[in-house]
Amino acid sequence: MPAVFGALHWYLYRRLIRQTTSHGTRARRAGAALFVVGPLLAGTAVVGGFTSMPMAVERVVAWPGYVWLAVFLYLLLGVLAGEVVRPLLNLWLTHRHRASAVVVDPATPAADLLSRRLFVSRAIAVVAATAAVGVVGHGTRGVLNGPSVKRIVVPLAKLSRALHSFRIAVVSDIHLGPLLGRLLRPAGHRHDQRHPARPDRRGG
């Protein structure tokens, strides 16, 4: 599994950083650092959940580690989708260029080809990165806002009339742990989220 995890990061690094930046530039170095530190933090956060790592340490690495893991997964989906679009974009740009180009220098076609490939690589990288950061940012905002209350009416034909409008509150999928350790402190926090429903019974 670590080998697969590392190989997928190398694939993303090649597509998103190496093929879109020049050697020795700040962007290349920053991207390389991100793809080294990110997986290390993610691996540490995951391993920490299965070991006796102190909670204080685990909480320090949990946020950047799990956030990077989520960004990594969406980046992977975006870049894989881009692999389908990449040849189509290259073909369209090549056809468009041939229809309007006037060759003066024999080296021009090769330079134009490299320029088109760089443009396509950067376009896919920008779209994939924007989508990944946007989705993860939206999800993180929802997590920080706490659990949401969803009301569902369940009709039961044979239910006694005495239990008409009986309300049950069920708390699920709140992911208590180092990432949301603050939810462990106030037991009333979950109660506050359920209070607007005024349940007759609570379950988990």
N, C-alpha and C. Protein backbone atom coordinates (compact mmCIF):
# COMPACT_ATOMS: atom_id res chain seq x y z
N MET A 1 0.81 -1.22 0.00
CA MET A 1 0.00 0.00 0.00
C MET A 1 0.85 1.28 0.00
N PRO A 2 1.90 1.39 0.84
CA PRO A 2 2.74 2.60 0.77
C PRO A 2 3.35 2.81 -0.60
N ALA A 3 3.71 1.70 -1.29
CA ALA A 3 4.29 1.83 -2.62
C ALA A 3 3.28 2.41 -3.61
N VAL A 4 2.05 1.94 -3.53
CA VAL A 4 0.99 2.46 -4.41
C VAL A 4 0.72 3.93 -4.09
N PHE A 5 0.67 4.24 -2.80
CA PHE A 5 0.44 5.61 -2.36
C PHE A 5 1.54 6.54 -2.90
N GLY A 6 2.79 6.08 -2.79
CA GLY A 6 3.91 6.88 -3.29
C GLY A 6 3.89 7.01 -4.80
N ALA A 7 3.54 5.91 -5.50
CA ALA A 7 3.50 5.94 -6.96
C ALA A 7 2.44 6.90 -7.47
N LEU A 8 1.29 6.93 -6.81
CA LEU A 8 0.23 7.85 -7.23
C LEU A 8 0.63 9.30 -6.99
N HIS A 9 1.36 9.55 -5.92
CA HIS A 9 1.85 10.91 -5.67
C HIS A 9 2.88 11.31 -6.73
N TRP A 10 3.73 10.36 -7.12
CA TRP A 10 4.71 10.65 -8.17
C TRP A 10 4.02 10.96 -9.49
N TYR A 11 2.95 10.23 -9.77
CA TYR A 11 2.17 10.47 -10.99
C TYR A 11 1.56 11.88 -10.98
N LEU A 12 0.97 12.25 -9.84
CA LEU A 12 0.39 13.59 -9.74
C LEU A 12 1.46 14.67 -9.81
N TYR A 13 2.60 14.42 -9.19
CA TYR A 13 3.69 15.39 -9.23
C TYR A 13 4.15 15.61 -10.68
N ARG A 14 4.28 14.55 -11.44
CA ARG A 14 4.70 14.68 -12.84
C ARG A 14 3.68 15.48 -13.64
N ARG A 15 2.40 15.16 -13.45
CA ARG A 15 1.37 15.82 -14.24
C ARG A 15 1.13 17.27 -13.81
N LEU A 16 1.12 17.52 -12.51
CA LEU A 16 0.73 18.83 -12.01
C LEU A 16 1.89 19.79 -11.83
N ILE A 17 3.08 19.26 -11.56
CA ILE A 17 4.22 20.13 -11.26
C ILE A 17 5.31 20.03 -12.34
N ARG A 18 5.81 18.85 -12.57
CA ARG A 18 6.96 18.69 -13.46
C ARG A 18 6.65 19.09 -14.90
N GLN A 19 5.43 18.78 -15.36
CA GLN A 19 5.07 19.08 -16.75
C GLN A 19 4.52 20.49 -16.93
N THR A 20 4.38 21.24 -15.85
CA THR A 20 3.79 22.58 -15.96
C THR A 20 4.73 23.69 -15.49
N THR A 21 5.89 23.32 -14.96
CA THR A 21 6.83 24.33 -14.45
C THR A 21 8.21 24.08 -15.03
N SER A 22 9.05 25.09 -14.99
CA SER A 22 10.42 24.98 -15.49
C SER A 22 11.36 24.53 -14.39
N HIS A 23 12.42 23.86 -14.79
CA HIS A 23 13.39 23.35 -13.83
C HIS A 23 14.07 24.50 -13.07
N GLY A 24 14.17 24.34 -11.75
CA GLY A 24 14.86 25.32 -10.93
C GLY A 24 14.03 26.51 -10.49
N THR A 25 12.78 26.60 -10.93
CA THR A 25 11.94 27.74 -10.55
C THR A 25 11.36 27.53 -9.15
N ARG A 26 10.89 28.63 -8.57
CA ARG A 26 10.28 28.55 -7.24
C ARG A 26 9.03 27.68 -7.25
N ALA A 27 8.27 27.78 -8.33
CA ALA A 27 7.06 26.98 -8.44
C ALA A 27 7.39 25.49 -8.43
N ARG A 28 8.44 25.11 -9.15
CA ARG A 28 8.85 23.70 -9.17
C ARG A 28 9.29 23.24 -7.79
N ARG A 29 10.08 24.06 -7.11
CA ARG A 29 10.56 23.67 -5.77
C ARG A 29 9.41 23.61 -4.76
N ALA A 30 8.49 24.58 -4.84
CA ALA A 30 7.35 24.59 -3.92
C ALA A 30 6.45 23.38 -4.17
N GLY A 31 6.23 23.06 -5.43
CA GLY A 31 5.41 21.90 -5.75
C GLY A 31 6.05 20.60 -5.28
N ALA A 32 7.37 20.50 -5.46
CA ALA A 32 8.08 19.31 -5.01
C ALA A 32 7.99 19.16 -3.49
N ALA A 33 8.15 20.27 -2.78
CA ALA A 33 8.05 20.23 -1.33
C ALA A 33 6.66 19.81 -0.89
N LEU A 34 5.63 20.31 -1.58
CA LEU A 34 4.26 19.97 -1.24
C LEU A 34 4.00 18.48 -1.40
N PHE A 35 4.54 17.90 -2.47
CA PHE A 35 4.32 16.48 -2.73
C PHE A 35 5.24 15.58 -1.93
N VAL A 36 6.09 16.16 -1.12
CA VAL A 36 6.88 15.37 -0.16
C VAL A 36 6.28 15.48 1.23
N VAL A 37 6.00 16.72 1.66
CA VAL A 37 5.47 16.95 3.00
C VAL A 37 4.04 16.44 3.12
N GLY A 38 3.22 16.65 2.07
CA GLY A 38 1.82 16.24 2.11
C GLY A 38 1.63 14.76 2.41
N PRO A 39 2.21 13.88 1.61
CA PRO A 39 2.04 12.44 1.89
C PRO A 39 2.65 12.00 3.22
N LEU A 40 3.72 12.64 3.65
CA LEU A 40 4.31 12.30 4.95
C LEU A 40 3.34 12.63 6.08
N LEU A 41 2.71 13.80 6.01
CA LEU A 41 1.73 14.17 7.03
C LEU A 41 0.50 13.26 6.98
N ALA A 42 0.05 12.94 5.77
CA ALA A 42 -1.12 12.07 5.63
C ALA A 42 -0.82 10.68 6.19
N GLY A 43 0.36 10.15 5.86
CA GLY A 43 0.73 8.84 6.38
C GLY A 43 0.85 8.84 7.89
N THR A 44 1.42 9.90 8.44
CA THR A 44 1.55 10.00 9.90
C THR A 44 0.19 10.08 10.57
N ALA A 45 -0.74 10.83 9.98
CA ALA A 45 -2.08 10.96 10.55
C ALA A 45 -2.82 9.63 10.54
N VAL A 46 -2.70 8.89 9.43
CA VAL A 46 -3.39 7.60 9.33
C VAL A 46 -2.78 6.59 10.30
N VAL A 47 -1.45 6.51 10.34
CA VAL A 47 -0.78 5.58 11.24
C VAL A 47 -1.07 5.93 12.70
N GLY A 48 -1.16 7.23 12.99
CA GLY A 48 -1.43 7.66 14.36
C GLY A 48 -2.75 7.16 14.88
N GLY A 49 -3.72 6.94 13.98
CA GLY A 49 -5.02 6.44 14.40
C GLY A 49 -5.00 4.99 14.82
N PHE A 50 -3.94 4.26 14.44
CA PHE A 50 -3.85 2.84 14.78
C PHE A 50 -2.74 2.55 15.78
N THR A 51 -2.11 3.59 16.29
CA THR A 51 -1.03 3.41 17.25
C THR A 51 -1.33 4.18 18.52
N SER A 52 -0.40 4.12 19.45
CA SER A 52 -0.57 4.82 20.73
C SER A 52 0.05 6.21 20.69
N MET A 53 -0.02 6.88 19.55
CA MET A 53 0.51 8.23 19.43
C MET A 53 -0.25 9.17 20.36
N PRO A 54 0.44 10.03 21.11
CA PRO A 54 -0.24 10.97 22.00
C PRO A 54 -1.26 11.81 21.24
N MET A 55 -2.41 12.03 21.88
CA MET A 55 -3.48 12.78 21.22
C MET A 55 -3.03 14.18 20.82
N ALA A 56 -2.20 14.81 21.65
CA ALA A 56 -1.73 16.16 21.33
C ALA A 56 -0.94 16.17 20.03
N VAL A 57 -0.09 15.16 19.84
CA VAL A 57 0.70 15.07 18.60
C VAL A 57 -0.20 14.70 17.43
N GLU A 58 -1.12 13.78 17.67
CA GLU A 58 -2.00 13.32 16.61
C GLU A 58 -2.87 14.46 16.08
N ARG A 59 -3.30 15.33 16.98
CA ARG A 59 -4.15 16.44 16.55
C ARG A 59 -3.36 17.45 15.73
N VAL A 60 -2.05 17.58 16.00
CA VAL A 60 -1.23 18.51 15.24
C VAL A 60 -1.11 18.06 13.78
N VAL A 61 -0.95 16.75 13.57
CA VAL A 61 -0.76 16.25 12.20
C VAL A 61 -2.07 15.86 11.54
N ALA A 62 -3.15 15.77 12.33
CA ALA A 62 -4.42 15.30 11.77
C ALA A 62 -4.98 16.26 10.73
N TRP A 63 -5.04 17.55 11.08
CA TRP A 63 -5.64 18.51 10.15
C TRP A 63 -4.91 18.57 8.81
N PRO A 64 -3.60 18.90 8.81
CA PRO A 64 -2.94 18.95 7.50
C PRO A 64 -2.88 17.58 6.83
N GLY A 65 -2.75 16.51 7.62
CA GLY A 65 -2.64 15.18 7.03
C GLY A 65 -3.92 14.74 6.34
N TYR A 66 -5.03 14.84 7.03
CA TYR A 66 -6.30 14.38 6.44
C TYR A 66 -6.80 15.33 5.36
N VAL A 67 -6.53 16.62 5.54
CA VAL A 67 -6.92 17.57 4.48
C VAL A 67 -6.14 17.27 3.21
N TRP A 68 -4.83 17.00 3.35
CA TRP A 68 -4.05 16.66 2.16
C TRP A 68 -4.54 15.36 1.54
N LEU A 69 -4.91 14.40 2.38
CA LEU A 69 -5.40 13.13 1.84
C LEU A 69 -6.66 13.34 1.01
N ALA A 70 -7.54 14.22 1.47
CA ALA A 70 -8.75 14.52 0.71
C ALA A 70 -8.41 15.26 -0.58
N VAL A 71 -7.52 16.24 -0.50
CA VAL A 71 -7.10 16.98 -1.70
C VAL A 71 -6.44 16.03 -2.69
N PHE A 72 -5.61 15.13 -2.19
CA PHE A 72 -4.94 14.15 -3.04
C PHE A 72 -5.94 13.29 -3.81
N LEU A 73 -6.97 12.81 -3.13
CA LEU A 73 -7.96 11.95 -3.79
C LEU A 73 -8.70 12.71 -4.89
N TYR A 74 -9.09 13.96 -4.62
CA TYR A 74 -9.80 14.73 -5.63
C TYR A 74 -8.87 15.17 -6.77
N LEU A 75 -7.61 15.44 -6.44
CA LEU A 75 -6.64 15.73 -7.49
C LEU A 75 -6.47 14.53 -8.41
N LEU A 76 -6.41 13.35 -7.81
CA LEU A 76 -6.25 12.14 -8.61
C LEU A 76 -7.43 11.94 -9.55
N LEU A 77 -8.63 12.15 -9.04
CA LEU A 77 -9.82 12.03 -9.89
C LEU A 77 -9.80 13.06 -11.01
N GLY A 78 -9.42 14.29 -10.66
CA GLY A 78 -9.39 15.35 -11.67
C GLY A 78 -8.36 15.10 -12.75
N VAL A 79 -7.17 14.65 -12.36
CA VAL A 79 -6.11 14.41 -13.34
C VAL A 79 -6.45 13.20 -14.21
N LEU A 80 -7.05 12.16 -13.61
CA LEU A 80 -7.46 11.00 -14.41
C LEU A 80 -8.54 11.39 -15.42
N ALA A 81 -9.46 12.26 -15.00
CA ALA A 81 -10.45 12.76 -15.96
C ALA A 81 -9.76 13.59 -17.04
N GLY A 82 -8.72 14.31 -16.64
CA GLY A 82 -7.98 15.11 -17.62
C GLY A 82 -7.25 14.27 -18.65
N GLU A 83 -6.92 13.03 -18.29
CA GLU A 83 -6.26 12.15 -19.26
C GLU A 83 -7.16 11.84 -20.45
N VAL A 84 -8.47 11.86 -20.19
CA VAL A 84 -9.43 11.65 -21.28
C VAL A 84 -9.52 12.89 -22.16
N VAL A 85 -9.46 14.05 -21.52
CA VAL A 85 -9.61 15.31 -22.25
C VAL A 85 -8.32 15.72 -22.95
N ARG A 86 -7.17 15.34 -22.40
CA ARG A 86 -5.87 15.78 -22.91
C ARG A 86 -5.68 15.53 -24.41
N PRO A 87 -5.85 14.29 -24.90
CA PRO A 87 -5.63 14.07 -26.34
C PRO A 87 -6.63 14.82 -27.22
N LEU A 88 -7.84 15.00 -26.72
CA LEU A 88 -8.84 15.74 -27.49
C LEU A 88 -8.46 17.21 -27.60
N LEU A 89 -7.97 17.80 -26.51
CA LEU A 89 -7.52 19.19 -26.55
C LEU A 89 -6.31 19.35 -27.45
N ASN A 90 -5.36 18.43 -27.35
CA ASN A 90 -4.18 18.49 -28.22
C ASN A 90 -4.57 18.39 -29.69
N LEU A 91 -5.49 17.49 -29.98
CA LEU A 91 -5.93 17.32 -31.37
C LEU A 91 -6.64 18.56 -31.87
N TRP A 92 -7.49 19.15 -31.03
CA TRP A 92 -8.23 20.35 -31.44
C TRP A 92 -7.28 21.53 -31.66
N LEU A 93 -6.32 21.72 -30.75
CA LEU A 93 -5.37 22.81 -30.90
C LEU A 93 -4.47 22.62 -32.11
N THR A 94 -4.08 21.37 -32.36
CA THR A 94 -3.24 21.09 -33.53
C THR A 94 -3.99 21.39 -34.82
N HIS A 95 -5.24 20.95 -34.88
CA HIS A 95 -6.06 21.21 -36.08
C HIS A 95 -6.27 22.70 -36.28
N ARG A 96 -6.51 23.41 -35.19
CA ARG A 96 -6.72 24.85 -35.28
C ARG A 96 -5.45 25.56 -35.73
N HIS A 97 -4.31 25.09 -35.22
CA HIS A 97 -3.04 25.71 -35.58
C HIS A 97 -2.72 25.48 -37.05
N ARG A 98 -2.95 24.27 -37.55
CA ARG A 98 -2.65 23.96 -38.95
C ARG A 98 -3.53 24.76 -39.89
N ALA A 99 -4.72 25.06 -39.44
CA ALA A 99 -5.64 25.79 -40.31
C ALA A 99 -5.25 27.26 -40.46
N SER A 100 -4.44 27.77 -39.51
CA SER A 100 -4.12 29.20 -39.56
C SER A 100 -2.63 29.49 -39.59
N ALA A 101 -1.78 28.46 -39.50
CA ALA A 101 -0.34 28.69 -39.39
C ALA A 101 0.30 28.88 -40.76
N VAL A 102 1.33 29.74 -40.75
CA VAL A 102 2.18 29.93 -41.93
C VAL A 102 3.60 29.62 -41.48
N VAL A 103 4.18 28.53 -41.98
CA VAL A 103 5.50 28.08 -41.54
C VAL A 103 6.58 28.94 -42.18
N VAL A 104 7.37 29.62 -41.34
CA VAL A 104 8.49 30.43 -41.80
C VAL A 104 9.80 29.79 -41.39
N ASP A 105 9.87 29.33 -40.15
CA ASP A 105 11.07 28.71 -39.60
C ASP A 105 10.81 27.22 -39.43
N PRO A 106 11.71 26.34 -39.90
CA PRO A 106 11.49 24.90 -39.74
C PRO A 106 11.37 24.48 -38.29
N ALA A 107 11.94 25.25 -37.36
CA ALA A 107 11.87 24.90 -35.95
C ALA A 107 10.54 25.30 -35.32
N THR A 108 9.75 26.10 -36.03
CA THR A 108 8.50 26.60 -35.48
C THR A 108 7.50 25.50 -35.14
N PRO A 109 7.27 24.50 -35.99
CA PRO A 109 6.30 23.44 -35.64
C PRO A 109 6.63 22.74 -34.33
N ALA A 110 7.89 22.41 -34.10
CA ALA A 110 8.27 21.74 -32.86
C ALA A 110 8.04 22.63 -31.65
N ALA A 111 8.39 23.90 -31.78
CA ALA A 111 8.17 24.84 -30.67
C ALA A 111 6.69 25.02 -30.39
N ASP A 112 5.90 25.09 -31.45
CA ASP A 112 4.46 25.24 -31.27
C ASP A 112 3.86 24.01 -30.60
N LEU A 113 4.37 22.84 -30.97
CA LEU A 113 3.87 21.61 -30.36
C LEU A 113 4.13 21.58 -28.86
N LEU A 114 5.35 21.97 -28.47
CA LEU A 114 5.68 22.03 -27.05
C LEU A 114 4.83 23.07 -26.33
N SER A 115 4.59 24.19 -26.99
CA SER A 115 3.78 25.24 -26.40
C SER A 115 2.34 24.77 -26.18
N ARG A 116 1.80 24.06 -27.16
CA ARG A 116 0.43 23.56 -27.03
C ARG A 116 0.33 22.52 -25.92
N ARG A 117 1.31 21.64 -25.85
CA ARG A 117 1.29 20.62 -24.79
C ARG A 117 1.40 21.25 -23.41
N LEU A 118 2.23 22.28 -23.30
CA LEU A 118 2.37 22.98 -22.02
C LEU A 118 1.07 23.67 -21.64
N PHE A 119 0.41 24.28 -22.63
CA PHE A 119 -0.86 24.95 -22.36
C PHE A 119 -1.91 23.95 -21.87
N VAL A 120 -1.99 22.80 -22.54
CA VAL A 120 -2.97 21.78 -22.16
C VAL A 120 -2.67 21.25 -20.76
N SER A 121 -1.40 20.97 -20.48
CA SER A 121 -1.01 20.46 -19.16
C SER A 121 -1.36 21.45 -18.06
N ARG A 122 -1.07 22.72 -18.31
CA ARG A 122 -1.37 23.75 -17.30
C ARG A 122 -2.86 23.94 -17.13
N ALA A 123 -3.61 23.88 -18.21
CA ALA A 123 -5.06 24.05 -18.12
C ALA A 123 -5.68 22.93 -17.30
N ILE A 124 -5.26 21.69 -17.56
CA ILE A 124 -5.79 20.55 -16.81
C ILE A 124 -5.38 20.65 -15.34
N ALA A 125 -4.14 21.05 -15.09
CA ALA A 125 -3.65 21.17 -13.71
C ALA A 125 -4.44 22.23 -12.94
N VAL A 126 -4.70 23.37 -13.57
CA VAL A 126 -5.44 24.45 -12.91
C VAL A 126 -6.87 24.02 -12.60
N VAL A 127 -7.52 23.37 -13.57
CA VAL A 127 -8.91 22.94 -13.35
C VAL A 127 -8.97 21.87 -12.26
N ALA A 128 -8.06 20.90 -12.30
CA ALA A 128 -8.05 19.82 -11.31
C ALA A 128 -7.77 20.37 -9.91
N ALA A 129 -6.78 21.26 -9.81
CA ALA A 129 -6.42 21.82 -8.50
C ALA A 129 -7.55 22.70 -7.95
N THR A 130 -8.15 23.52 -8.81
CA THR A 130 -9.25 24.38 -8.37
C THR A 130 -10.44 23.57 -7.88
N ALA A 131 -10.79 22.52 -8.63
CA ALA A 131 -11.91 21.67 -8.24
C ALA A 131 -11.62 20.95 -6.93
N ALA A 132 -10.40 20.42 -6.78
CA ALA A 132 -10.05 19.68 -5.56
C ALA A 132 -10.08 20.58 -4.34
N VAL A 133 -9.45 21.75 -4.45
CA VAL A 133 -9.42 22.68 -3.31
C VAL A 133 -10.83 23.19 -2.99
N GLY A 134 -11.62 23.44 -4.02
CA GLY A 134 -12.98 23.92 -3.79
C GLY A 134 -13.85 22.89 -3.08
N VAL A 135 -13.79 21.64 -3.54
CA VAL A 135 -14.60 20.59 -2.92
C VAL A 135 -14.17 20.34 -1.48
N VAL A 136 -12.86 20.22 -1.27
CA VAL A 136 -12.36 19.98 0.08
C VAL A 136 -12.63 21.17 1.00
N GLY A 137 -12.47 22.38 0.47
CA GLY A 137 -12.76 23.57 1.27
C GLY A 137 -14.22 23.63 1.69
N HIS A 138 -15.11 23.29 0.76
CA HIS A 138 -16.54 23.28 1.09
C HIS A 138 -16.85 22.22 2.15
N GLY A 139 -16.25 21.04 2.00
CA GLY A 139 -16.47 19.99 2.97
C GLY A 139 -15.91 20.34 4.34
N THR A 140 -14.72 20.96 4.36
CA THR A 140 -14.11 21.36 5.62
C THR A 140 -14.97 22.40 6.34
N ARG A 141 -15.52 23.31 5.57
CA ARG A 141 -16.41 24.33 6.17
C ARG A 141 -17.61 23.67 6.82
N GLY A 142 -18.17 22.66 6.16
CA GLY A 142 -19.31 21.96 6.74
C GLY A 142 -18.94 21.22 8.01
N VAL A 143 -17.73 20.65 8.03
CA VAL A 143 -17.28 19.94 9.24
C VAL A 143 -17.12 20.90 10.40
N LEU A 144 -16.51 22.06 10.13
CA LEU A 144 -16.28 23.04 11.20
C LEU A 144 -17.58 23.64 11.73
N ASN A 145 -18.61 23.66 10.89
CA ASN A 145 -19.90 24.19 11.33
C ASN A 145 -20.66 23.20 12.21
N GLY A 146 -20.17 21.98 12.30
CA GLY A 146 -20.82 20.98 13.15
C GLY A 146 -21.90 20.22 12.42
N PRO A 147 -22.48 19.23 13.11
CA PRO A 147 -23.52 18.39 12.50
C PRO A 147 -24.73 19.21 12.06
N SER A 148 -25.36 18.78 10.99
CA SER A 148 -26.57 19.44 10.52
C SER A 148 -27.79 18.60 10.90
N VAL A 149 -28.92 19.26 11.02
CA VAL A 149 -30.16 18.59 11.38
C VAL A 149 -30.98 18.34 10.12
N LYS A 150 -31.28 17.07 9.86
CA LYS A 150 -32.08 16.70 8.70
C LYS A 150 -33.36 16.04 9.19
N ARG A 151 -34.49 16.60 8.83
CA ARG A 151 -35.78 16.10 9.29
C ARG A 151 -36.38 15.15 8.25
N ILE A 152 -36.75 13.96 8.69
CA ILE A 152 -37.34 12.95 7.82
C ILE A 152 -38.64 12.45 8.45
N VAL A 153 -39.70 12.46 7.67
CA VAL A 153 -40.99 11.94 8.13
C VAL A 153 -41.12 10.49 7.69
N VAL A 154 -41.36 9.60 8.65
CA VAL A 154 -41.49 8.16 8.36
C VAL A 154 -42.93 7.75 8.64
N PRO A 155 -43.76 7.58 7.63
CA PRO A 155 -45.15 7.18 7.85
C PRO A 155 -45.25 5.69 8.20
N LEU A 156 -45.94 5.37 9.29
CA LEU A 156 -46.17 3.99 9.71
C LEU A 156 -47.68 3.79 9.85
N ALA A 157 -48.23 2.94 8.99
CA ALA A 157 -49.69 2.79 8.93
C ALA A 157 -50.28 2.24 10.23
N LYS A 158 -49.58 1.30 10.88
CA LYS A 158 -50.14 0.64 12.06
C LYS A 158 -49.67 1.26 13.37
N LEU A 159 -49.08 2.43 13.31
CA LEU A 159 -48.59 3.08 14.51
C LEU A 159 -49.76 3.62 15.33
N SER A 160 -49.69 3.43 16.62
CA SER A 160 -50.75 3.91 17.50
C SER A 160 -50.88 5.43 17.40
N ARG A 161 -52.12 5.93 17.49
CA ARG A 161 -52.34 7.36 17.42
C ARG A 161 -51.68 8.09 18.59
N ALA A 162 -51.45 7.35 19.67
CA ALA A 162 -50.79 7.97 20.83
C ALA A 162 -49.35 8.34 20.51
N LEU A 163 -48.77 7.70 19.49
CA LEU A 163 -47.39 7.98 19.10
C LEU A 163 -47.32 8.87 17.86
N HIS A 164 -48.44 9.47 17.51
CA HIS A 164 -48.45 10.38 16.36
C HIS A 164 -47.51 11.55 16.62
N SER A 165 -46.67 11.87 15.64
CA SER A 165 -45.68 12.95 15.73
C SER A 165 -44.56 12.64 16.73
N PHE A 166 -44.40 11.36 17.05
CA PHE A 166 -43.29 10.96 17.93
C PHE A 166 -41.97 11.22 17.21
N ARG A 167 -41.04 11.87 17.87
CA ARG A 167 -39.79 12.29 17.24
C ARG A 167 -38.61 11.53 17.82
N ILE A 168 -37.76 11.04 16.94
CA ILE A 168 -36.54 10.33 17.33
C ILE A 168 -35.36 11.04 16.70
N ALA A 169 -34.36 11.36 17.50
CA ALA A 169 -33.14 12.01 16.99
C ALA A 169 -32.03 10.97 16.96
N VAL A 170 -31.41 10.82 15.80
CA VAL A 170 -30.31 9.87 15.62
C VAL A 170 -29.06 10.66 15.23
N VAL A 171 -27.99 10.47 15.98
CA VAL A 171 -26.73 11.14 15.68
C VAL A 171 -25.80 10.12 15.01
N SER A 172 -25.29 10.46 13.83
CA SER A 172 -24.42 9.52 13.12
C SER A 172 -23.41 10.29 12.26
N ASP A 173 -22.34 9.60 11.93
CA ASP A 173 -21.34 10.12 10.99
C ASP A 173 -20.78 11.47 11.43
N ILE A 174 -20.41 11.58 12.72
CA ILE A 174 -19.86 12.85 13.20
C ILE A 174 -18.35 12.79 13.36
N HIS A 175 -17.74 11.62 13.15
CA HIS A 175 -16.28 11.49 13.08
C HIS A 175 -15.56 12.08 14.28
N LEU A 176 -15.92 11.62 15.48
CA LEU A 176 -15.21 12.08 16.67
C LEU A 176 -13.79 11.53 16.64
N GLY A 177 -12.84 12.32 17.00
CA GLY A 177 -11.45 11.89 16.98
C GLY A 177 -10.53 13.08 17.02
N PRO A 178 -9.27 12.89 16.62
CA PRO A 178 -8.31 14.00 16.70
C PRO A 178 -8.67 15.16 15.77
N LEU A 179 -9.31 14.86 14.65
CA LEU A 179 -9.66 15.93 13.71
C LEU A 179 -10.71 16.87 14.29
N LEU A 180 -11.67 16.29 15.01
CA LEU A 180 -12.73 17.09 15.63
C LEU A 180 -12.74 16.82 17.12
N GLY A 181 -11.58 16.87 17.73
CA GLY A 181 -11.47 16.58 19.15
C GLY A 181 -12.31 17.50 20.00
N ARG A 182 -12.60 18.70 19.50
CA ARG A 182 -13.38 19.65 20.28
C ARG A 182 -14.80 19.14 20.53
N LEU A 183 -15.28 18.22 19.67
CA LEU A 183 -16.62 17.70 19.88
C LEU A 183 -16.68 16.73 21.05
N LEU A 184 -15.50 16.23 21.45
CA LEU A 184 -15.47 15.30 22.57
C LEU A 184 -15.68 16.04 23.90
N ARG A 185 -15.34 17.32 23.91
CA ARG A 185 -15.38 18.08 25.15
C ARG A 185 -16.82 18.38 25.58
N PRO A 186 -17.57 19.11 24.77
CA PRO A 186 -18.91 19.45 25.25
C PRO A 186 -19.92 18.41 24.81
N ALA A 187 -20.35 17.55 25.74
CA ALA A 187 -21.38 16.58 25.39
C ALA A 187 -22.64 17.31 24.98
N GLY A 188 -22.80 18.53 25.49
CA GLY A 188 -23.98 19.32 25.15
C GLY A 188 -23.94 19.86 23.74
N HIS A 189 -22.77 19.79 23.08
CA HIS A 189 -22.69 20.30 21.72
C HIS A 189 -23.62 19.51 20.81
N ARG A 190 -23.57 18.19 20.95
CA ARG A 190 -24.46 17.37 20.14
C ARG A 190 -25.91 17.60 20.56
N HIS A 191 -26.11 17.80 21.86
CA HIS A 191 -27.47 18.07 22.34
C HIS A 191 -28.01 19.36 21.73
N ASP A 192 -27.13 20.38 21.62
CA ASP A 192 -27.55 21.65 21.05
C ASP A 192 -27.96 21.49 19.61
N GLN A 193 -27.27 20.59 18.88
CA GLN A 193 -27.61 20.38 17.48
C GLN A 193 -28.95 19.65 17.36
N ARG A 194 -29.26 18.80 18.33
CA ARG A 194 -30.51 18.04 18.25
C ARG A 194 -31.68 18.80 18.86
N HIS A 195 -31.38 19.78 19.70
CA HIS A 195 -32.42 20.47 20.44
C HIS A 195 -33.50 21.10 19.55
N PRO A 196 -33.14 21.73 18.40
CA PRO A 196 -34.20 22.33 17.58
C PRO A 196 -35.26 21.32 17.15
N ALA A 197 -34.91 20.04 17.06
CA ALA A 197 -35.89 19.03 16.67
C ALA A 197 -36.79 18.62 17.83
N ARG A 198 -36.37 18.91 19.08
CA ARG A 198 -37.12 18.56 20.28
C ARG A 198 -37.53 17.08 20.23
N PRO A 199 -36.57 16.20 20.23
CA PRO A 199 -36.90 14.77 20.08
C PRO A 199 -37.51 14.19 21.34
N ASP A 200 -38.37 13.16 21.15
CA ASP A 200 -38.92 12.41 22.28
C ASP A 200 -37.97 11.29 22.69
N ARG A 201 -37.12 10.86 21.74
CA ARG A 201 -36.12 9.84 22.04
C ARG A 201 -34.88 10.11 21.21
N ARG A 202 -33.72 9.79 21.77
CA ARG A 202 -32.46 10.02 21.08
C ARG A 202 -31.73 8.70 20.92
N GLY A 203 -31.08 8.56 19.77
CA GLY A 203 -30.31 7.35 19.52
C GLY A 203 -29.04 7.70 18.81
N GLY A 204 -28.11 6.74 18.72
CA GLY A 204 -26.83 6.98 18.05
C GLY A 204 -26.47 5.85 17.14
